[in-house]
């Protein structure tokens, strides 16, 4: 048993025999630090910067940073508008300007006071007149509803006169093939091939 083994060991080693059994209760082994102890990740004091035993804490990658980098939004490009195949529910028609109109005031010695009459079906829309110019700028918008391929829009330009009848400066027609979004210039025509008509008119078309 245990006592006999201890006596045998004493007979062999004498008084220097090691003790048998667990250590006395007053001897407590050192406790290990907990797993989440920050002291485990602290650097050891380094006297020599070139020492091989220097330890640096690991750098952990965080896929969810508190301040993520800001990236510029991609550029936004306008979506091109195409000519519809059927009825246009709402058509924005703008009479923008004209250029190189004929002089009709004072027997052609002074510039005209031009305005435009827009005729669509049985409706007439009129712009304001601009005084004494051959290159007027109106930029007046009209809205047409339920435009079909059989419709035509007539533009007639007149010279505003106070005492006499307004003078005719030319006309242009907008057909279904011309209804493409954007601005365009239309050449003015006369009532007959021999009419001395000059100038162009600019329109802007949008599908609402």
C-alpha atoms as a PDB file:
ATOM      1  CA  UNK A   1       0.000   0.000   0.000  1.00  0.00           C
ATOM      2  CA  UNK A   2       0.963   3.685   0.177  1.00  0.00           C
ATOM      3  CA  UNK A   3       2.816   3.463   3.523  1.00  0.00           C
ATOM      4  CA  UNK A   4       4.887   0.489   2.376  1.00  0.00           C
ATOM      5  CA  UNK A   5       5.838   2.277  -0.879  1.00  0.00           C
ATOM      6  CA  UNK A   6       6.890   5.370   1.084  1.00  0.00           C
ATOM      7  CA  UNK A   7       9.052   3.251   3.437  1.00  0.00           C
ATOM      8  CA  UNK A   8      10.709   1.604   0.426  1.00  0.00           C
ATOM      9  CA  UNK A   9      11.458   4.979  -1.121  1.00  0.00           C
ATOM     10  CA  UNK A  10      12.930   6.277   2.178  1.00  0.00           C
ATOM     11  CA  UNK A  11      15.093   3.212   2.475  1.00  0.00           C
ATOM     12  CA  UNK A  12      16.390   3.878  -1.036  1.00  0.00           C
ATOM     13  CA  UNK A  13      16.780   7.693  -1.033  1.00  0.00           C
ATOM     14  CA  UNK A  14      17.066   8.397   2.630  1.00  0.00           C
ATOM     15  CA  UNK A  15      15.811  11.735   3.936  1.00  0.00           C
ATOM     16  CA  UNK A  16      15.797  13.254   0.403  1.00  0.00           C
ATOM     17  CA  UNK A  17      12.933  11.095  -0.757  1.00  0.00           C
ATOM     18  CA  UNK A  18      10.266  13.056  -2.644  1.00  0.00           C
ATOM     19  CA  UNK A  19       6.825  13.201  -1.101  1.00  0.00           C
ATOM     20  CA  UNK A  20       4.117  10.946  -2.440  1.00  0.00           C
ATOM     21  CA  UNK A  21       0.601  12.109  -3.084  1.00  0.00           C
ATOM     22  CA  UNK A  22      -1.023  15.463  -3.865  1.00  0.00           C
ATOM     23  CA  UNK A  23       0.671  18.698  -2.780  1.00  0.00           C
ATOM     24  CA  UNK A  24      -0.323  20.232   0.509  1.00  0.00           C
ATOM     25  CA  UNK A  25      -3.436  22.402   0.396  1.00  0.00           C
ATOM     26  CA  UNK A  26      -1.504  25.677   0.923  1.00  0.00           C
ATOM     27  CA  UNK A  27       0.320  25.289  -2.437  1.00  0.00           C
ATOM     28  CA  UNK A  28      -1.961  26.727  -5.182  1.00  0.00           C
ATOM     29  CA  UNK A  29      -0.891  26.533  -8.862  1.00  0.00           C
ATOM     30  CA  UNK A  30      -0.936  29.884 -10.775  1.00  0.00           C
ATOM     31  CA  UNK A  31      -4.249  30.594 -12.497  1.00  0.00           C
ATOM     32  CA  UNK A  32      -4.330  30.944 -16.280  1.00  0.00           C
ATOM     33  CA  UNK A  33      -5.621  34.259 -17.654  1.00  0.00           C
ATOM     34  CA  UNK A  34      -9.143  34.170 -19.088  1.00  0.00           C
ATOM     35  CA  UNK A  35      -9.474  33.840 -22.905  1.00  0.00           C
ATOM     36  CA  UNK A  36     -10.692  37.439 -23.340  1.00  0.00           C
ATOM     37  CA  UNK A  37      -8.033  39.005 -21.145  1.00  0.00           C
ATOM     38  CA  UNK A  38      -6.649  42.080 -22.986  1.00  0.00           C
ATOM     39  CA  UNK A  39      -3.288  41.500 -21.322  1.00  0.00           C
ATOM     40  CA  UNK A  40      -2.763  38.549 -23.666  1.00  0.00           C
ATOM     41  CA  UNK A  41      -2.581  40.944 -26.659  1.00  0.00           C
ATOM     42  CA  UNK A  42      -0.253  43.533 -25.133  1.00  0.00           C
ATOM     43  CA  UNK A  43       3.208  43.865 -26.599  1.00  0.00           C
ATOM     44  CA  UNK A  44       6.149  42.643 -24.594  1.00  0.00           C
ATOM     45  CA  UNK A  45       8.639  45.327 -23.537  1.00  0.00           C
ATOM     46  CA  UNK A  46      11.351  45.441 -26.176  1.00  0.00           C
ATOM     47  CA  UNK A  47      14.778  46.843 -25.350  1.00  0.00           C
ATOM     48  CA  UNK A  48      16.335  46.135 -28.717  1.00  0.00           C
ATOM     49  CA  UNK A  49      14.177  47.141 -31.736  1.00  0.00           C
ATOM     50  CA  UNK A  50      15.828  44.313 -33.706  1.00  0.00           C
ATOM     51  CA  UNK A  51      15.032  41.658 -31.125  1.00  0.00           C
ATOM     52  CA  UNK A  52      13.446  38.570 -32.656  1.00  0.00           C
ATOM     53  CA  UNK A  53      11.093  38.007 -29.716  1.00  0.00           C
ATOM     54  CA  UNK A  54       9.179  41.301 -30.232  1.00  0.00           C
ATOM     55  CA  UNK A  55       5.452  40.631 -30.460  1.00  0.00           C
ATOM     56  CA  UNK A  56       2.855  42.851 -32.164  1.00  0.00           C
ATOM     57  CA  UNK A  57      -0.887  42.347 -31.625  1.00  0.00           C
ATOM     58  CA  UNK A  58      -2.753  40.916 -34.609  1.00  0.00           C
ATOM     59  CA  UNK A  59      -4.745  43.311 -36.811  1.00  0.00           C
ATOM     60  CA  UNK A  60      -8.230  41.931 -37.354  1.00  0.00           C
ATOM     61  CA  UNK A  61     -10.171  42.754 -40.545  1.00  0.00           C
ATOM     62  CA  UNK A  62     -13.598  44.246 -39.915  1.00  0.00           C
ATOM     63  CA  UNK A  63     -15.933  43.794 -42.916  1.00  0.00           C
ATOM     64  CA  UNK A  64     -18.444  46.261 -41.414  1.00  0.00           C
ATOM     65  CA  UNK A  65     -16.565  49.501 -40.624  1.00  0.00           C
ATOM     66  CA  UNK A  66     -18.324  52.213 -38.660  1.00  0.00           C
ATOM     67  CA  UNK A  67     -17.447  54.845 -41.330  1.00  0.00           C
ATOM     68  CA  UNK A  68     -17.662  53.130 -44.712  1.00  0.00           C
ATOM     69  CA  UNK A  69     -16.067  54.989 -47.668  1.00  0.00           C
ATOM     70  CA  UNK A  70     -18.376  57.194 -49.702  1.00  0.00           C
ATOM     71  CA  UNK A  71     -18.496  56.486 -53.421  1.00  0.00           C
ATOM     72  CA  UNK A  72     -19.784  58.887 -56.071  1.00  0.00           C
ATOM     73  CA  UNK A  73     -23.132  57.974 -57.600  1.00  0.00           C
ATOM     74  CA  UNK A  74     -22.988  56.797 -61.217  1.00  0.00           C
ATOM     75  CA  UNK A  75     -23.927  59.449 -63.795  1.00  0.00           C
ATOM     76  CA  UNK A  76     -27.543  59.575 -64.843  1.00  0.00           C
ATOM     77  CA  UNK A  77     -28.140  59.703 -68.583  1.00  0.00           C
ATOM     78  CA  UNK A  78     -31.472  60.854 -70.044  1.00  0.00           C
ATOM     79  CA  UNK A  79     -33.582  58.122 -71.553  1.00  0.00           C
ATOM     80  CA  UNK A  80     -34.072  58.839 -75.262  1.00  0.00           C
ATOM     81  CA  UNK A  81     -37.663  59.335 -76.306  1.00  0.00           C
ATOM     82  CA  UNK A  82     -38.891  57.744 -79.502  1.00  0.00           C
ATOM     83  CA  UNK A  83     -41.842  58.432 -81.706  1.00  0.00           C
ATOM     84  CA  UNK A  84     -44.892  56.454 -80.520  1.00  0.00           C
ATOM     85  CA  UNK A  85     -46.660  54.103 -82.874  1.00  0.00           C
ATOM     86  CA  UNK A  86     -50.209  55.123 -81.930  1.00  0.00           C
ATOM     87  CA  UNK A  87     -51.990  58.009 -80.260  1.00  0.00           C
ATOM     88  CA  UNK A  88     -50.017  60.580 -78.267  1.00  0.00           C
ATOM     89  CA  UNK A  89     -52.086  61.241 -75.110  1.00  0.00           C
ATOM     90  CA  UNK A  90     -50.396  64.564 -74.296  1.00  0.00           C
ATOM     91  CA  UNK A  91     -48.109  66.484 -76.612  1.00  0.00           C
ATOM     92  CA  UNK A  92     -46.151  69.510 -75.415  1.00  0.00           C
ATOM     93  CA  UNK A  93     -45.783  71.858 -78.393  1.00  0.00           C
ATOM     94  CA  UNK A  94     -43.625  74.976 -77.924  1.00  0.00           C
ATOM     95  CA  UNK A  95     -43.177  77.806 -80.428  1.00  0.00           C
ATOM     96  CA  UNK A  96     -39.638  78.881 -79.584  1.00  0.00           C
ATOM     97  CA  UNK A  97     -38.456  81.513 -82.067  1.00  0.00           C
ATOM     98  CA  UNK A  98     -38.029  82.541 -85.689  1.00  0.00           C
ATOM     99  CA  UNK A  99     -35.245  84.066 -87.782  1.00  0.00           C
ATOM    100  CA  UNK A 100     -34.738  86.042 -90.972  1.00  0.00           C
ATOM    101  CA  UNK A 101     -38.390  87.076 -91.289  1.00  0.00           C
ATOM    102  CA  UNK A 102     -39.446  89.543 -93.954  1.00  0.00           C
ATOM    103  CA  UNK A 103     -39.860  93.275 -93.248  1.00  0.00           C
ATOM    104  CA  UNK A 104     -43.495  94.279 -93.718  1.00  0.00           C
ATOM    105  CA  UNK A 105     -43.929  97.550 -91.816  1.00  0.00           C
ATOM    106  CA  UNK A 106     -43.852 100.830 -93.773  1.00  0.00           C
ATOM    107  CA  UNK A 107     -43.785  99.064 -97.144  1.00  0.00           C
ATOM    108  CA  UNK A 108     -40.808  96.915 -96.174  1.00  0.00           C
ATOM    109  CA  UNK A 109     -38.701  99.717 -94.731  1.00  0.00           C
ATOM    110  CA  UNK A 110     -39.184  98.757 -91.076  1.00  0.00           C
ATOM    111  CA  UNK A 111     -39.035  95.462 -89.226  1.00  0.00           C
ATOM    112  CA  UNK A 112     -42.175  93.474 -88.511  1.00  0.00           C
ATOM    113  CA  UNK A 113     -44.038  92.804 -85.259  1.00  0.00           C
ATOM    114  CA  UNK A 114     -44.400  89.027 -85.677  1.00  0.00           C
ATOM    115  CA  UNK A 115     -46.655  86.540 -83.881  1.00  0.00           C
ATOM    116  CA  UNK A 116     -47.704  82.945 -84.578  1.00  0.00           C
ATOM    117  CA  UNK A 117     -51.107  81.253 -84.857  1.00  0.00           C
ATOM    118  CA  UNK A 118     -51.038  77.503 -84.122  1.00  0.00           C
ATOM    119  CA  UNK A 119     -53.945  75.608 -85.715  1.00  0.00           C
ATOM    120  CA  UNK A 120     -54.738  72.034 -84.702  1.00  0.00           C
ATOM    121  CA  UNK A 121     -58.038  70.511 -85.765  1.00  0.00           C
ATOM    122  CA  UNK A 122     -60.581  73.213 -84.916  1.00  0.00           C
ATOM    123  CA  UNK A 123     -58.495  74.911 -82.232  1.00  0.00           C
ATOM    124  CA  UNK A 124     -56.342  78.023 -82.610  1.00  0.00           C
ATOM    125  CA  UNK A 125     -53.570  79.113 -80.265  1.00  0.00           C
ATOM    126  CA  UNK A 126     -51.828  82.448 -80.620  1.00  0.00           C
ATOM    127  CA  UNK A 127     -48.564  83.772 -79.272  1.00  0.00           C
ATOM    128  CA  UNK A 128     -47.888  87.351 -78.237  1.00  0.00           C
ATOM    129  CA  UNK A 129     -46.365  89.653 -80.859  1.00  0.00           C
ATOM    130  CA  UNK A 130     -42.804  90.929 -80.566  1.00  0.00           C
ATOM    131  CA  UNK A 131     -42.191  94.491 -81.654  1.00  0.00           C
ATOM    132  CA  UNK A 132     -39.802  95.527 -84.424  1.00  0.00           C
ATOM    133  CA  UNK A 133     -37.726  92.422 -85.076  1.00  0.00           C
ATOM    134  CA  UNK A 134     -37.013  89.865 -87.783  1.00  0.00           C
ATOM    135  CA  UNK A 135     -35.699  87.326 -85.228  1.00  0.00           C
ATOM    136  CA  UNK A 136     -38.443  87.077 -82.597  1.00  0.00           C
ATOM    137  CA  UNK A 137     -38.321  84.885 -79.513  1.00  0.00           C
ATOM    138  CA  UNK A 138     -41.619  83.651 -78.023  1.00  0.00           C
ATOM    139  CA  UNK A 139     -40.999  80.362 -76.172  1.00  0.00           C
ATOM    140  CA  UNK A 140     -44.730  79.800 -75.620  1.00  0.00           C
ATOM    141  CA  UNK A 141     -45.957  76.292 -74.909  1.00  0.00           C
ATOM    142  CA  UNK A 142     -49.263  74.705 -75.875  1.00  0.00           C
ATOM    143  CA  UNK A 143     -50.609  71.299 -74.906  1.00  0.00           C
ATOM    144  CA  UNK A 144     -52.361  69.036 -77.398  1.00  0.00           C
ATOM    145  CA  UNK A 145     -54.221  65.891 -76.339  1.00  0.00           C
ATOM    146  CA  UNK A 146     -54.820  62.622 -78.178  1.00  0.00           C
ATOM    147  CA  UNK A 147     -52.779  63.454 -81.260  1.00  0.00           C
ATOM    148  CA  UNK A 148     -53.181  60.817 -83.999  1.00  0.00           C
ATOM    149  CA  UNK A 149     -51.093  60.041 -87.119  1.00  0.00           C
ATOM    150  CA  UNK A 150     -53.719  61.791 -89.274  1.00  0.00           C
ATOM    151  CA  UNK A 151     -53.378  65.137 -87.454  1.00  0.00           C
ATOM    152  CA  UNK A 152     -51.427  68.110 -88.762  1.00  0.00           C
ATOM    153  CA  UNK A 153     -50.306  71.202 -86.892  1.00  0.00           C
ATOM    154  CA  UNK A 154     -50.226  74.418 -88.926  1.00  0.00           C
ATOM    155  CA  UNK A 155     -48.028  77.370 -87.945  1.00  0.00           C
ATOM    156  CA  UNK A 156     -48.856  80.721 -89.529  1.00  0.00           C
ATOM    157  CA  UNK A 157     -46.705  83.789 -88.899  1.00  0.00           C
ATOM    158  CA  UNK A 158     -48.223  87.276 -89.157  1.00  0.00           C
ATOM    159  CA  UNK A 159     -47.037  90.859 -88.793  1.00  0.00           C
ATOM    160  CA  UNK A 160     -49.113  92.704 -86.232  1.00  0.00           C
ATOM    161  CA  UNK A 161     -50.519  96.034 -87.514  1.00  0.00           C
ATOM    162  CA  UNK A 162     -52.639  98.441 -85.529  1.00  0.00           C
ATOM    163  CA  UNK A 163     -54.406 100.394 -88.324  1.00  0.00           C
ATOM    164  CA  UNK A 164     -54.358  97.906 -91.194  1.00  0.00           C
ATOM    165  CA  UNK A 165     -54.809  94.189 -91.689  1.00  0.00           C
ATOM    166  CA  UNK A 166     -52.052  91.967 -90.343  1.00  0.00           C
ATOM    167  CA  UNK A 167     -49.530  90.946 -92.996  1.00  0.00           C
ATOM    168  CA  UNK A 168     -48.819  87.330 -93.841  1.00  0.00           C
ATOM    169  CA  UNK A 169     -45.185  86.283 -93.205  1.00  0.00           C
ATOM    170  CA  UNK A 170     -45.362  82.571 -94.065  1.00  0.00           C
ATOM    171  CA  UNK A 171     -46.552  79.223 -92.740  1.00  0.00           C
ATOM    172  CA  UNK A 172     -45.262  75.730 -91.971  1.00  0.00           C
ATOM    173  CA  UNK A 173     -46.927  72.368 -91.332  1.00  0.00           C
ATOM    174  CA  UNK A 174     -45.969  69.754 -88.757  1.00  0.00           C
ATOM    175  CA  UNK A 175     -46.924  66.189 -89.716  1.00  0.00           C
ATOM    176  CA  UNK A 176     -46.794  62.938 -87.790  1.00  0.00           C
ATOM    177  CA  UNK A 177     -43.284  62.226 -89.099  1.00  0.00           C
ATOM    178  CA  UNK A 178     -42.094  65.543 -87.622  1.00  0.00           C
ATOM    179  CA  UNK A 179     -43.272  64.667 -84.105  1.00  0.00           C
ATOM    180  CA  UNK A 180     -39.866  63.672 -82.762  1.00  0.00           C
ATOM    181  CA  UNK A 181     -38.892  64.980 -79.300  1.00  0.00           C
ATOM    182  CA  UNK A 182     -36.499  67.895 -79.384  1.00  0.00           C
ATOM    183  CA  UNK A 183     -36.052  71.221 -81.185  1.00  0.00           C
ATOM    184  CA  UNK A 184     -36.098  71.681 -84.920  1.00  0.00           C
ATOM    185  CA  UNK A 185     -36.247  74.433 -87.528  1.00  0.00           C
ATOM    186  CA  UNK A 186     -38.973  74.541 -90.190  1.00  0.00           C
ATOM    187  CA  UNK A 187     -38.718  76.658 -93.315  1.00  0.00           C
ATOM    188  CA  UNK A 188     -41.601  79.035 -93.882  1.00  0.00           C
ATOM    189  CA  UNK A 189     -43.538  78.797 -97.158  1.00  0.00           C
ATOM    190  CA  UNK A 190     -45.856  81.135 -99.035  1.00  0.00           C
ATOM    191  CA  UNK A 191     -49.385  80.684-100.289  1.00  0.00           C
ATOM    192  CA  UNK A 192     -48.119  80.326-103.859  1.00  0.00           C
ATOM    193  CA  UNK A 193     -44.754  79.229-105.286  1.00  0.00           C
ATOM    194  CA  UNK A 194     -44.102  82.846-106.390  1.00  0.00           C
ATOM    195  CA  UNK A 195     -44.595  84.301-102.895  1.00  0.00           C
ATOM    196  CA  UNK A 196     -41.544  86.092-101.541  1.00  0.00           C
ATOM    197  CA  UNK A 197     -41.340  84.453 -98.152  1.00  0.00           C
ATOM    198  CA  UNK A 198     -38.156  84.209 -96.091  1.00  0.00           C
ATOM    199  CA  UNK A 199     -37.239  82.867 -92.715  1.00  0.00           C
ATOM    200  CA  UNK A 200     -37.589  79.820 -90.499  1.00  0.00           C
ATOM    201  CA  UNK A 201     -39.484  78.984 -87.317  1.00  0.00           C
ATOM    202  CA  UNK A 202     -38.223  76.868 -84.422  1.00  0.00           C
ATOM    203  CA  UNK A 203     -40.405  74.473 -82.437  1.00  0.00           C
ATOM    204  CA  UNK A 204     -39.812  72.170 -79.463  1.00  0.00           C
ATOM    205  CA  UNK A 205     -41.721  68.889 -79.034  1.00  0.00           C
ATOM    206  CA  UNK A 206     -42.062  66.853 -75.842  1.00  0.00           C
ATOM    207  CA  UNK A 207     -44.151  63.820 -74.951  1.00  0.00           C
ATOM    208  CA  UNK A 208     -45.779  64.363 -71.541  1.00  0.00           C
END
